[in-house]
N, C-alpha and C. Protein backbone atom coordinates (compact mmCIF):
# COMPACT_ATOMS: atom_id res chain seq x y z
N MET A 1 163.77 179.79 52.54
CA MET A 1 165.11 180.82 52.22
C MET A 1 166.27 180.24 51.25
N GLN A 2 166.50 180.86 49.99
CA GLN A 2 166.94 180.39 48.92
C GLN A 2 168.67 181.53 49.30
N SER A 3 169.82 180.22 49.27
CA SER A 3 170.61 179.85 49.23
C SER A 3 171.14 181.06 48.21
N LYS A 4 172.06 181.67 48.77
CA LYS A 4 173.70 182.20 48.22
C LYS A 4 173.91 181.86 47.12
N GLU A 5 174.05 182.10 45.60
CA GLU A 5 175.06 182.15 44.44
C GLU A 5 176.19 181.61 44.88
N LYS A 6 177.01 180.81 44.45
CA LYS A 6 178.02 180.20 45.19
C LYS A 6 178.87 180.90 43.69
N ARG A 7 180.60 181.16 44.20
CA ARG A 7 181.37 181.59 43.62
C ARG A 7 182.03 180.68 42.42
N GLU A 8 181.97 180.55 40.95
CA GLU A 8 182.59 179.51 40.23
C GLU A 8 184.20 179.85 40.30
N VAL A 9 184.92 179.54 40.79
CA VAL A 9 186.50 178.94 41.21
C VAL A 9 186.90 177.92 40.09
N GLU A 10 188.55 178.28 39.82
CA GLU A 10 189.19 177.15 38.29
C GLU A 10 189.74 176.18 39.58
N LEU A 11 190.57 176.67 40.52
CA LEU A 11 191.38 176.24 41.31
C LEU A 11 191.82 176.84 42.79
N VAL A 12 191.49 175.89 43.79
CA VAL A 12 191.70 176.40 44.70
C VAL A 12 192.58 175.31 45.59
N VAL A 13 193.10 176.00 46.75
CA VAL A 13 194.35 175.06 47.34
C VAL A 13 194.91 175.64 48.66
N ILE A 14 194.39 174.57 49.55
CA ILE A 14 194.02 174.33 50.79
C ILE A 14 195.15 173.77 51.60
N SER A 15 195.59 173.94 52.15
CA SER A 15 196.81 173.05 53.17
C SER A 15 196.72 173.98 54.75
N ASP A 16 197.17 173.02 55.37
CA ASP A 16 197.60 172.98 57.09
C ASP A 16 196.30 172.95 57.81
N VAL A 17 195.06 172.41 57.30
CA VAL A 17 194.64 172.42 57.95
C VAL A 17 193.84 172.43 59.49
N HIS A 18 194.87 170.57 59.87
CA HIS A 18 195.12 169.39 60.80
C HIS A 18 193.89 169.35 61.69
N LEU A 19 193.16 168.93 60.65
CA LEU A 19 191.50 168.80 61.71
C LEU A 19 191.95 167.41 62.03
N GLY A 20 191.23 167.48 63.63
CA GLY A 20 191.40 166.60 65.09
C GLY A 20 192.76 167.15 65.76
N THR A 21 193.18 168.93 65.85
CA THR A 21 193.41 169.00 66.76
C THR A 21 192.90 170.36 67.21
N TYR A 22 193.56 170.78 68.60
CA TYR A 22 192.61 171.99 68.74
C TYR A 22 192.61 173.58 68.52
N GLY A 23 193.78 173.75 67.92
CA GLY A 23 194.43 174.63 66.97
C GLY A 23 193.42 174.96 65.26
N CYS A 24 193.00 174.02 64.94
CA CYS A 24 192.31 173.72 63.71
C CYS A 24 191.08 174.88 64.02
N ARG A 25 190.93 175.58 62.33
CA ARG A 25 189.80 176.22 62.53
C ARG A 25 188.90 176.00 61.52
N ALA A 26 188.33 174.77 61.85
CA ALA A 26 187.54 174.37 61.06
C ALA A 26 185.77 174.60 60.01
N GLU A 27 184.95 175.65 61.53
CA GLU A 27 184.06 176.35 61.37
C GLU A 27 184.94 177.19 59.75
N GLU A 28 185.43 178.20 59.69
CA GLU A 28 186.01 179.01 59.10
C GLU A 28 186.02 178.45 58.02
N LEU A 29 186.91 177.41 57.64
CA LEU A 29 187.44 176.78 56.47
C LEU A 29 185.59 176.32 55.37
N LEU A 30 184.99 175.72 56.49
CA LEU A 30 183.72 174.98 56.17
C LEU A 30 182.93 176.80 56.24
N ASN A 31 182.90 177.73 56.43
CA ASN A 31 182.29 178.67 55.99
C ASN A 31 182.61 179.11 54.45
N TYR A 32 184.06 179.53 54.37
CA TYR A 32 184.36 179.73 53.34
C TYR A 32 184.09 178.86 51.66
N LEU A 33 184.25 177.26 51.84
CA LEU A 33 184.04 176.38 51.21
C LEU A 33 182.14 176.26 50.84
N ARG A 34 181.73 176.79 51.47
CA ARG A 34 180.14 177.00 51.57
C ARG A 34 180.15 177.65 50.31
N THR A 35 181.06 179.28 49.99
CA THR A 35 180.86 180.10 49.39
C THR A 35 181.34 180.18 47.69
N ILE A 36 181.64 178.88 47.69
CA ILE A 36 182.60 179.05 46.66
C ILE A 36 181.97 177.47 45.79
N ARG A 37 181.96 177.03 44.05
CA ARG A 37 182.42 176.29 43.50
C ARG A 37 183.69 175.92 43.00
N PRO A 38 184.03 175.47 43.28
CA PRO A 38 185.59 174.87 43.02
C PRO A 38 185.49 174.19 41.64
N ARG A 39 186.50 174.26 40.18
CA ARG A 39 186.38 172.75 39.41
C ARG A 39 187.50 171.92 39.90
N THR A 40 188.91 172.65 40.72
CA THR A 40 189.65 171.40 40.61
C THR A 40 189.84 172.24 42.06
N LEU A 41 190.41 171.09 43.22
CA LEU A 41 190.45 171.60 44.66
C LEU A 41 191.73 170.93 45.00
N ILE A 42 192.55 171.13 45.17
CA ILE A 42 194.38 170.73 45.87
C ILE A 42 194.45 170.67 47.44
N LEU A 43 194.66 169.84 48.27
CA LEU A 43 194.81 169.25 49.85
C LEU A 43 195.99 169.64 49.54
N ASN A 44 196.59 170.01 50.06
CA ASN A 44 197.86 170.69 50.06
C ASN A 44 198.98 169.85 51.40
N GLY A 45 198.36 168.71 51.84
CA GLY A 45 198.99 168.78 53.18
C GLY A 45 198.34 169.01 54.30
N ASP A 46 198.38 168.09 54.99
CA ASP A 46 198.30 167.85 56.90
C ASP A 46 197.26 168.62 56.56
N ILE A 47 196.07 167.81 55.96
CA ILE A 47 194.60 167.77 56.00
C ILE A 47 194.04 167.52 57.92
N VAL A 48 194.30 166.41 57.42
CA VAL A 48 194.56 165.54 58.83
C VAL A 48 195.88 165.48 59.82
N ASP A 49 195.63 166.16 60.55
CA ASP A 49 196.82 165.62 62.20
C ASP A 49 197.05 164.16 61.98
N ILE A 50 197.22 163.29 61.52
CA ILE A 50 197.45 161.62 62.37
C ILE A 50 198.08 162.11 63.31
N TRP A 51 199.47 162.60 62.88
CA TRP A 51 200.60 162.76 64.22
C TRP A 51 200.29 163.06 65.58
N GLN A 52 198.94 163.65 65.75
CA GLN A 52 198.65 164.27 66.85
C GLN A 52 196.93 163.49 67.05
N PHE A 53 196.62 162.76 66.05
CA PHE A 53 195.22 162.21 66.14
C PHE A 53 194.83 161.41 67.08
N SER A 54 193.64 161.52 67.73
CA SER A 54 192.80 160.95 68.87
C SER A 54 191.29 160.99 68.94
N LYS A 55 191.28 159.45 69.39
CA LYS A 55 189.92 159.08 69.22
C LYS A 55 188.98 160.19 70.08
N SER A 56 189.33 161.01 71.07
CA SER A 56 189.10 161.51 72.64
C SER A 56 188.62 162.93 71.76
N TYR A 57 189.26 163.78 70.48
CA TYR A 57 189.26 165.30 70.07
C TYR A 57 189.03 164.97 68.69
N PHE A 58 187.56 164.56 68.35
CA PHE A 58 187.29 164.89 66.58
C PHE A 58 185.84 165.54 66.69
N PRO A 59 185.90 166.75 67.18
CA PRO A 59 184.80 167.57 66.91
C PRO A 59 183.86 167.56 65.57
N ALA A 60 182.47 167.58 65.81
CA ALA A 60 181.50 167.75 64.60
C ALA A 60 181.99 168.33 63.42
N SER A 61 182.57 169.81 64.05
CA SER A 61 182.60 170.58 62.85
C SER A 61 184.21 170.31 61.62
N HIS A 62 184.77 169.34 62.42
CA HIS A 62 186.20 168.65 61.65
C HIS A 62 185.52 167.36 60.98
N MET A 63 184.71 166.70 61.22
CA MET A 63 183.84 166.04 60.03
C MET A 63 182.81 166.59 59.48
N LYS A 64 182.02 168.26 59.47
CA LYS A 64 181.89 168.76 58.22
C LYS A 64 182.93 168.87 57.78
N VAL A 65 183.46 169.10 57.81
CA VAL A 65 184.84 169.86 56.69
C VAL A 65 185.26 168.85 55.37
N ILE A 66 185.39 167.44 56.20
CA ILE A 66 185.58 166.10 55.68
C ILE A 66 184.32 165.61 54.20
N MET A 67 183.06 165.64 54.91
CA MET A 67 181.46 165.53 54.77
C MET A 67 181.21 166.39 53.30
N TYR A 68 181.61 167.74 53.72
CA TYR A 68 181.58 168.42 52.70
C TYR A 68 182.57 168.32 51.37
N ILE A 69 183.55 168.14 51.17
CA ILE A 69 184.54 168.00 50.51
C ILE A 69 184.20 166.77 49.89
N THR A 70 183.12 166.14 50.69
CA THR A 70 183.22 164.38 49.91
C THR A 70 182.02 165.16 49.17
N LYS A 71 181.04 165.78 49.59
CA LYS A 71 179.75 165.92 48.73
C LYS A 71 180.55 167.46 47.58
N LEU A 72 181.65 168.14 47.65
CA LEU A 72 182.35 168.53 46.65
C LEU A 72 182.45 167.61 45.24
N LEU A 73 183.22 166.46 46.05
CA LEU A 73 183.49 165.05 44.73
C LEU A 73 182.46 164.61 43.92
N SER A 74 180.89 164.80 44.69
CA SER A 74 179.57 164.35 44.14
C SER A 74 179.28 165.15 43.31
N ARG A 75 179.87 166.50 43.20
CA ARG A 75 179.08 167.37 42.27
C ARG A 75 179.92 168.22 41.64
N GLY A 76 180.80 166.57 41.00
CA GLY A 76 182.22 166.99 39.89
C GLY A 76 183.28 167.61 40.40
N THR A 77 183.52 168.04 41.55
CA THR A 77 185.11 168.80 41.49
C THR A 77 185.82 167.55 41.97
N GLU A 78 187.24 168.19 40.85
CA GLU A 78 188.59 167.14 41.25
C GLU A 78 189.24 167.42 41.95
N VAL A 79 189.37 166.56 43.42
CA VAL A 79 190.03 166.82 44.60
C VAL A 79 191.68 165.96 44.03
N TYR A 80 192.96 166.60 44.55
CA TYR A 80 193.96 166.18 44.40
C TYR A 80 194.25 166.04 46.06
N TYR A 81 194.68 165.46 46.76
CA TYR A 81 195.21 165.28 48.22
C TYR A 81 196.94 165.40 48.15
N ILE A 82 197.04 166.20 48.27
CA ILE A 82 198.50 166.36 48.11
C ILE A 82 199.48 165.73 49.93
N THR A 83 200.33 164.48 49.57
CA THR A 83 199.96 164.15 51.58
C THR A 83 201.49 165.18 51.67
N GLY A 84 201.33 165.87 53.64
CA GLY A 84 202.25 166.29 53.82
C GLY A 84 202.90 165.32 54.97
N ASN A 85 203.83 167.03 55.81
CA ASN A 85 204.75 165.65 57.07
C ASN A 85 203.70 164.81 58.03
N HIS A 86 202.58 165.57 58.24
CA HIS A 86 201.44 165.37 60.07
C HIS A 86 200.78 164.00 59.17
N ASP A 87 200.40 163.82 57.55
CA ASP A 87 199.47 162.97 57.75
C ASP A 87 200.60 161.96 55.98
N GLU A 88 201.70 162.31 56.56
CA GLU A 88 202.72 161.31 55.87
C GLU A 88 202.87 159.66 55.62
N LEU A 89 201.83 159.13 56.40
CA LEU A 89 201.14 157.83 56.91
C LEU A 89 200.07 157.47 54.99
N LEU A 90 200.07 158.54 54.79
CA LEU A 90 199.27 158.10 53.37
C LEU A 90 200.52 158.55 52.18
N ARG A 91 201.71 158.59 52.34
CA ARG A 91 202.78 158.96 51.07
C ARG A 91 202.79 157.35 50.90
N LYS A 92 202.16 156.03 51.16
CA LYS A 92 202.17 155.16 50.95
C LYS A 92 201.35 154.62 49.83
N PHE A 93 200.30 155.43 49.68
CA PHE A 93 199.01 155.52 48.96
C PHE A 93 198.89 156.30 47.89
N GLU A 94 200.54 156.64 47.46
CA GLU A 94 200.45 157.89 46.07
C GLU A 94 200.14 156.52 45.09
N GLY A 95 198.97 157.56 43.98
CA GLY A 95 198.76 157.25 42.85
C GLY A 95 197.67 155.97 43.25
N PHE A 96 197.04 156.34 44.43
CA PHE A 96 195.28 155.65 44.79
C PHE A 96 194.25 156.84 44.30
N SER A 97 193.22 156.27 43.52
CA SER A 97 192.21 157.24 43.52
C SER A 97 190.83 156.34 43.39
N ILE A 98 190.01 157.07 43.52
CA ILE A 98 188.66 156.75 43.52
C ILE A 98 187.72 158.19 43.57
N GLY A 99 187.02 158.10 42.03
CA GLY A 99 185.89 158.81 41.80
C GLY A 99 187.06 159.81 41.00
N GLY A 100 186.66 161.56 41.54
CA GLY A 100 187.46 162.53 41.32
C GLY A 100 189.00 162.52 42.62
N LEU A 101 188.56 162.14 43.53
CA LEU A 101 190.00 162.19 44.28
C LEU A 101 191.06 161.07 43.86
N LYS A 102 192.11 162.08 44.17
CA LYS A 102 193.43 161.17 43.69
C LYS A 102 194.44 161.74 44.93
N VAL A 103 194.78 160.76 45.52
CA VAL A 103 196.08 161.22 46.28
C VAL A 103 198.08 161.13 45.31
N VAL A 104 198.56 162.17 46.27
CA VAL A 104 199.86 162.21 44.81
C VAL A 104 200.62 163.05 45.79
N ASN A 105 201.90 162.90 45.79
CA ASN A 105 203.20 163.61 46.57
C ASN A 105 203.91 164.83 46.41
N LYS A 106 203.36 164.70 44.84
CA LYS A 106 203.55 165.86 44.38
C LYS A 106 202.90 166.02 42.90
N LEU A 107 202.52 167.36 42.38
CA LEU A 107 201.62 167.05 41.82
C LEU A 107 202.60 168.53 40.46
N VAL A 108 201.87 168.41 39.08
CA VAL A 108 202.31 169.20 38.45
C VAL A 108 200.83 169.19 37.72
N LEU A 109 200.36 170.74 37.29
CA LEU A 109 199.06 171.45 36.72
C LEU A 109 199.71 171.90 35.84
N ASP A 110 198.95 172.11 34.76
CA ASP A 110 199.06 173.42 33.57
C ASP A 110 197.75 173.96 33.43
N PRO A 111 197.14 174.85 34.32
CA PRO A 111 195.79 175.61 34.22
C PRO A 111 195.81 176.42 33.47
N HIS A 112 196.36 177.09 32.80
CA HIS A 112 196.87 178.67 31.93
C HIS A 112 197.67 177.90 30.84
N GLY A 113 198.22 176.99 30.76
CA GLY A 113 199.05 176.67 29.26
C GLY A 113 200.52 176.46 29.95
N GLU A 114 201.21 176.85 31.42
CA GLU A 114 202.64 176.65 31.69
C GLU A 114 202.33 175.73 32.82
N PRO A 115 203.28 174.95 32.80
CA PRO A 115 203.24 174.14 34.12
C PRO A 115 203.77 174.61 35.40
N ALA A 116 202.80 174.32 36.71
CA ALA A 116 202.63 174.77 37.96
C ALA A 116 202.59 174.01 38.96
N TRP A 117 204.26 174.10 40.04
CA TRP A 117 203.77 172.57 40.58
C TRP A 117 203.69 172.49 41.84
N PHE A 118 202.83 171.63 42.84
CA PHE A 118 202.49 171.81 43.61
C PHE A 118 202.63 170.60 44.33
N PHE A 119 203.34 171.49 45.85
CA PHE A 119 203.93 170.36 46.84
C PHE A 119 203.84 170.76 48.58
N HIS A 120 203.97 169.65 49.32
CA HIS A 120 203.68 170.29 50.52
C HIS A 120 205.31 171.34 51.28
N GLY A 121 205.15 171.89 52.11
CA GLY A 121 206.44 172.69 51.95
C GLY A 121 208.06 172.00 53.33
N ASP A 122 207.10 170.29 53.58
CA ASP A 122 208.07 169.88 54.24
C ASP A 122 209.01 169.70 53.98
N VAL A 123 209.26 169.80 52.52
CA VAL A 123 210.54 169.01 51.46
C VAL A 123 211.51 170.39 51.89
N PHE A 124 210.96 171.58 52.51
CA PHE A 124 212.13 172.60 52.60
C PHE A 124 212.73 172.24 54.41
N ASP A 125 211.90 171.63 55.00
CA ASP A 125 211.68 171.53 56.53
C ASP A 125 213.75 170.61 56.84
N VAL A 126 214.50 171.57 57.06
CA VAL A 126 215.51 170.32 57.79
C VAL A 126 215.46 169.87 59.27
N THR A 127 214.13 170.38 59.87
CA THR A 127 213.98 169.35 61.23
C THR A 127 213.39 168.14 60.89
N MET A 128 212.44 168.01 59.85
CA MET A 128 211.96 167.04 59.28
C MET A 128 212.79 166.08 58.41
N GLU A 129 214.04 166.24 58.20
CA GLU A 129 214.95 165.42 57.59
C GLU A 129 215.71 164.77 58.27
N HIS A 130 216.24 165.62 59.47
CA HIS A 130 217.19 164.93 59.64
C HIS A 130 216.81 164.45 61.90
N SER A 131 215.89 165.58 62.27
CA SER A 131 214.88 165.27 63.52
C SER A 131 213.52 165.17 63.95
N LYS A 132 212.66 164.29 62.61
CA LYS A 132 211.51 163.89 62.81
C LYS A 132 210.91 164.41 64.42
N TRP A 133 211.40 163.42 65.37
CA TRP A 133 211.10 163.61 66.79
C TRP A 133 210.87 164.96 66.59
N LEU A 134 211.54 165.55 66.69
CA LEU A 134 211.74 167.21 67.58
C LEU A 134 210.64 168.06 66.65
N ALA A 135 210.15 167.96 65.37
CA ALA A 135 209.11 168.54 64.37
C ALA A 135 207.92 167.99 65.02
N LYS A 136 207.51 166.82 65.26
CA LYS A 136 206.69 165.98 65.90
C LYS A 136 206.01 166.41 67.88
N LEU A 137 207.31 166.67 68.33
CA LEU A 137 207.39 167.78 70.02
C LEU A 137 206.88 169.10 69.62
N GLY A 138 207.14 169.70 68.68
CA GLY A 138 206.81 170.83 68.29
C GLY A 138 205.26 170.71 67.86
N GLY A 139 204.97 169.89 67.70
CA GLY A 139 203.41 169.39 66.98
C GLY A 139 202.68 169.85 68.31
N LYS A 140 202.60 168.88 68.83
CA LYS A 140 202.30 169.21 70.72
C LYS A 140 202.29 169.94 71.41
N GLY A 141 203.47 170.95 70.98
CA GLY A 141 203.56 172.33 71.85
C GLY A 141 202.89 173.31 71.56
N TYR A 142 202.75 173.26 70.02
CA TYR A 142 201.71 174.37 69.13
C TYR A 142 200.61 173.88 69.64
N ASP A 143 199.80 172.92 69.76
CA ASP A 143 198.49 171.93 70.25
C ASP A 143 198.34 173.02 71.51
N LEU A 144 199.26 172.56 72.13
CA LEU A 144 199.02 173.52 73.79
C LEU A 144 199.21 174.85 73.85
N LEU A 145 200.12 175.30 72.84
CA LEU A 145 199.98 177.03 72.69
C LEU A 145 198.68 177.21 72.44
N ILE A 146 197.92 176.59 71.56
CA ILE A 146 196.84 177.04 71.18
C ILE A 146 195.74 177.10 72.19
N MET A 147 196.06 175.95 72.96
CA MET A 147 195.09 176.41 73.75
C MET A 147 195.40 177.23 74.81
N ILE A 148 196.39 177.48 75.40
CA ILE A 148 197.06 178.50 76.21
C ILE A 148 196.59 180.18 75.76
N ASN A 149 196.87 180.63 74.26
CA ASN A 149 196.57 181.50 73.24
C ASN A 149 194.95 181.94 73.65
N THR A 150 193.85 180.67 73.88
CA THR A 150 192.89 180.60 73.58
C THR A 150 192.48 181.69 75.44
N VAL A 151 192.88 181.15 76.45
CA VAL A 151 192.74 181.65 77.17
C VAL A 151 193.06 182.90 77.20
N VAL A 152 193.99 183.29 76.92
CA VAL A 152 194.59 184.52 76.84
C VAL A 152 193.76 186.07 75.75
N ASN A 153 193.33 185.47 75.18
CA ASN A 153 192.56 185.62 74.32
C ASN A 153 191.00 186.20 74.84
N TRP A 154 190.66 185.56 75.34
CA TRP A 154 189.42 185.03 76.10
C TRP A 154 190.07 186.54 77.40
N PHE A 155 190.59 186.15 77.84
CA PHE A 155 190.71 187.55 79.72
C PHE A 155 190.73 188.79 78.31
N GLY A 156 191.79 188.89 77.39
CA GLY A 156 191.42 190.13 76.25
C GLY A 156 190.59 190.60 75.88
N LYS A 157 189.03 189.41 75.75
CA LYS A 157 188.34 190.34 75.16
C LYS A 157 188.06 190.65 76.70
N ARG A 158 187.15 190.24 77.78
CA ARG A 158 187.24 190.77 78.72
C ARG A 158 187.33 191.97 78.84
N PHE A 159 189.02 192.00 79.14
CA PHE A 159 189.45 193.67 79.64
C PHE A 159 189.45 194.41 78.12
N GLY A 160 189.27 194.20 77.05
CA GLY A 160 189.91 194.80 76.04
C GLY A 160 190.88 195.16 75.60
N THR A 161 191.66 194.29 76.10
CA THR A 161 193.27 194.30 75.37
C THR A 161 193.22 193.68 74.16
N GLY A 162 191.88 192.92 73.76
CA GLY A 162 192.20 192.84 71.80
C GLY A 162 193.20 190.99 72.15
N ARG A 163 192.96 190.96 70.88
CA ARG A 163 193.26 189.40 70.14
C ARG A 163 194.96 189.23 69.76
N ILE A 164 195.64 188.61 70.49
CA ILE A 164 196.60 188.38 69.96
C ILE A 164 197.08 186.88 69.92
N SER A 165 197.83 186.45 68.81
CA SER A 165 198.57 185.21 68.53
C SER A 165 199.84 185.02 68.96
N LEU A 166 200.07 184.27 70.15
CA LEU A 166 201.53 184.04 70.62
C LEU A 166 201.83 182.41 69.05
N SER A 167 201.21 182.23 68.74
CA SER A 167 201.82 181.06 67.70
C SER A 167 202.16 181.72 66.97
N LYS A 168 201.86 183.07 65.99
CA LYS A 168 202.15 183.61 65.01
C LYS A 168 203.53 184.09 65.33
N ARG A 169 203.44 184.91 66.72
CA ARG A 169 205.10 185.37 67.30
C ARG A 169 205.89 184.69 67.22
N ILE A 170 205.63 183.34 67.52
CA ILE A 170 206.58 182.71 68.20
C ILE A 170 207.27 181.67 66.11
N LYS A 171 206.20 181.08 65.43
CA LYS A 171 206.44 181.19 63.93
C LYS A 171 207.79 181.99 63.47
N ASP A 172 207.21 183.36 63.17
CA ASP A 172 208.07 184.09 62.87
C ASP A 172 209.05 184.05 63.53
N SER A 173 209.56 184.15 64.78
CA SER A 173 210.62 184.27 65.17
C SER A 173 211.71 182.73 64.64
N VAL A 174 211.16 182.04 64.35
CA VAL A 174 211.56 179.97 64.42
C VAL A 174 212.10 180.49 62.76
N LYS A 175 210.90 180.70 62.47
CA LYS A 175 211.53 180.90 60.43
C LYS A 175 212.23 182.05 60.11
N GLY A 176 212.66 183.05 60.90
CA GLY A 176 214.04 183.80 60.94
C GLY A 176 214.90 183.21 61.16
N ALA A 177 215.22 182.65 61.75
CA ALA A 177 216.28 181.88 62.52
C ALA A 177 216.60 180.50 61.59
N VAL A 178 215.27 179.69 61.09
CA VAL A 178 216.01 178.38 60.19
C VAL A 178 216.34 178.90 58.71
N LYS A 179 215.61 179.79 58.28
CA LYS A 179 216.36 180.28 56.73
C LYS A 179 217.41 180.16 56.74
N HIS A 180 218.22 180.64 57.38
CA HIS A 180 219.86 180.77 56.98
C HIS A 180 220.04 180.01 57.10
N ILE A 181 219.76 178.45 57.55
CA ILE A 181 220.16 177.22 57.56
C ILE A 181 219.68 176.23 56.47
N ASN A 182 218.32 176.87 56.21
CA ASN A 182 217.90 175.94 54.62
C ASN A 182 218.14 176.00 53.25
N ASP A 183 218.59 174.87 52.60
CA ASP A 183 218.91 175.60 51.28
C ASP A 183 217.76 175.08 50.56
N PHE A 184 216.86 176.60 50.38
CA PHE A 184 215.70 176.45 50.00
C PHE A 184 215.99 176.48 48.07
N GLU A 185 216.76 177.01 47.60
CA GLU A 185 217.08 177.30 46.56
C GLU A 185 217.57 175.97 45.88
N GLY A 186 218.27 175.15 46.77
CA GLY A 186 218.98 174.32 46.10
C GLY A 186 217.48 172.93 46.18
N THR A 187 216.93 172.91 47.28
CA THR A 187 215.88 171.81 47.30
C THR A 187 214.69 172.10 46.15
N VAL A 188 214.48 173.61 45.52
CA VAL A 188 213.96 173.82 44.41
C VAL A 188 213.71 173.34 43.43
N THR A 189 215.76 173.77 43.84
CA THR A 189 216.00 173.02 41.94
C THR A 189 215.78 171.78 41.84
N ASP A 190 216.13 170.72 42.82
CA ASP A 190 216.66 169.40 42.83
C ASP A 190 214.78 169.11 42.29
N ILE A 191 213.67 169.60 43.07
CA ILE A 191 211.88 169.50 42.92
C ILE A 191 212.14 169.25 41.10
N ALA A 192 212.46 170.63 40.70
CA ALA A 192 212.05 170.81 39.35
C ALA A 192 213.02 170.11 38.11
N MET A 193 214.18 169.78 38.43
CA MET A 193 215.07 168.64 37.80
C MET A 193 214.22 167.40 37.50
N GLN A 194 212.97 166.74 38.62
CA GLN A 194 212.67 165.50 39.06
C GLN A 194 211.49 165.61 38.55
N ALA A 195 211.23 167.38 38.29
CA ALA A 195 209.79 167.02 37.50
C ALA A 195 209.76 167.18 35.77
N VAL A 196 211.13 167.93 35.68
CA VAL A 196 211.42 168.00 34.17
C VAL A 196 211.38 166.97 33.34
N THR A 197 212.61 165.68 34.58
CA THR A 197 213.21 164.37 33.86
C THR A 197 211.95 163.68 33.76
N ALA A 198 211.06 163.65 34.70
CA ALA A 198 209.45 162.84 34.68
C ALA A 198 208.57 163.58 33.91
N MET A 199 208.75 164.36 33.02
CA MET A 199 207.47 164.75 31.95
C MET A 199 208.34 164.56 30.60
N TRP A 200 209.98 164.71 30.76
CA TRP A 200 210.35 164.23 29.35
C TRP A 200 210.61 162.94 29.33
N SER A 201 210.61 161.77 30.18
CA SER A 201 210.44 160.82 30.22
C SER A 201 209.25 159.89 29.58
N ALA A 202 207.75 160.70 30.04
CA ALA A 202 206.72 160.22 29.75
C ALA A 202 206.77 160.87 28.01
N VAL A 203 207.23 162.49 27.90
CA VAL A 203 207.19 162.48 26.20
C VAL A 203 207.75 161.31 25.62
N THR A 204 208.87 160.91 25.95
CA THR A 204 209.49 159.67 25.05
C THR A 204 209.02 158.72 25.21
N PHE A 205 208.66 158.12 25.96
CA PHE A 205 208.46 157.21 26.10
C PHE A 205 206.80 157.07 25.01
N THR A 206 205.56 158.26 25.59
CA THR A 206 204.40 157.97 24.68
C THR A 206 205.49 158.27 23.20
N ASN A 207 206.35 158.62 22.95
CA ASN A 207 206.86 158.35 21.13
C ASN A 207 207.21 157.32 20.94
N LEU A 208 207.37 156.36 21.43
CA LEU A 208 208.43 155.61 21.03
C LEU A 208 207.39 154.57 20.94
N HIS A 209 206.06 154.71 21.28
CA HIS A 209 205.08 153.95 21.28
C HIS A 209 203.84 154.45 20.54
């Protein structure tokens, strides 16, 4: 049986996969990756959930995602792994590269002649900055919520009431409250200034030599 032709894509950004947790949608992600041939793939944080990693739970479908990304690397796809909060242990490896894989904390690309900045969203999270233990506790609670949600949707399918997303409802409520205390614009400005300063320093250094 002949495989379907893959869609050529210049840039793909994927984040918050959380491999190693019950809430991960590894099979859906794998199905999507199998339909495309990206020139550049940005893994924008929390791909593997190191906070909640357990040897007792890492299904085959989760490993298949990692193996498929490795396959993309072998076929010439450039892969950037931007570290997030749930995989923050990887931040000490910033600058590491092997083949087409590069580990970074922030990334600036200019695919269309204008710089585009990529970074994980935890830089805007005041909980991460001041109460990391609370964020980790929330991660555990989210995983439990996913398990409860699975049971609720099983009954919903049996009785014809349809699917619901408890996690989405809670996330929407929390985000509505947090956005009033997060200095979003200030954080964006700081990141932008850091990127511009770094780029200007690189240009100046090049001119000196």
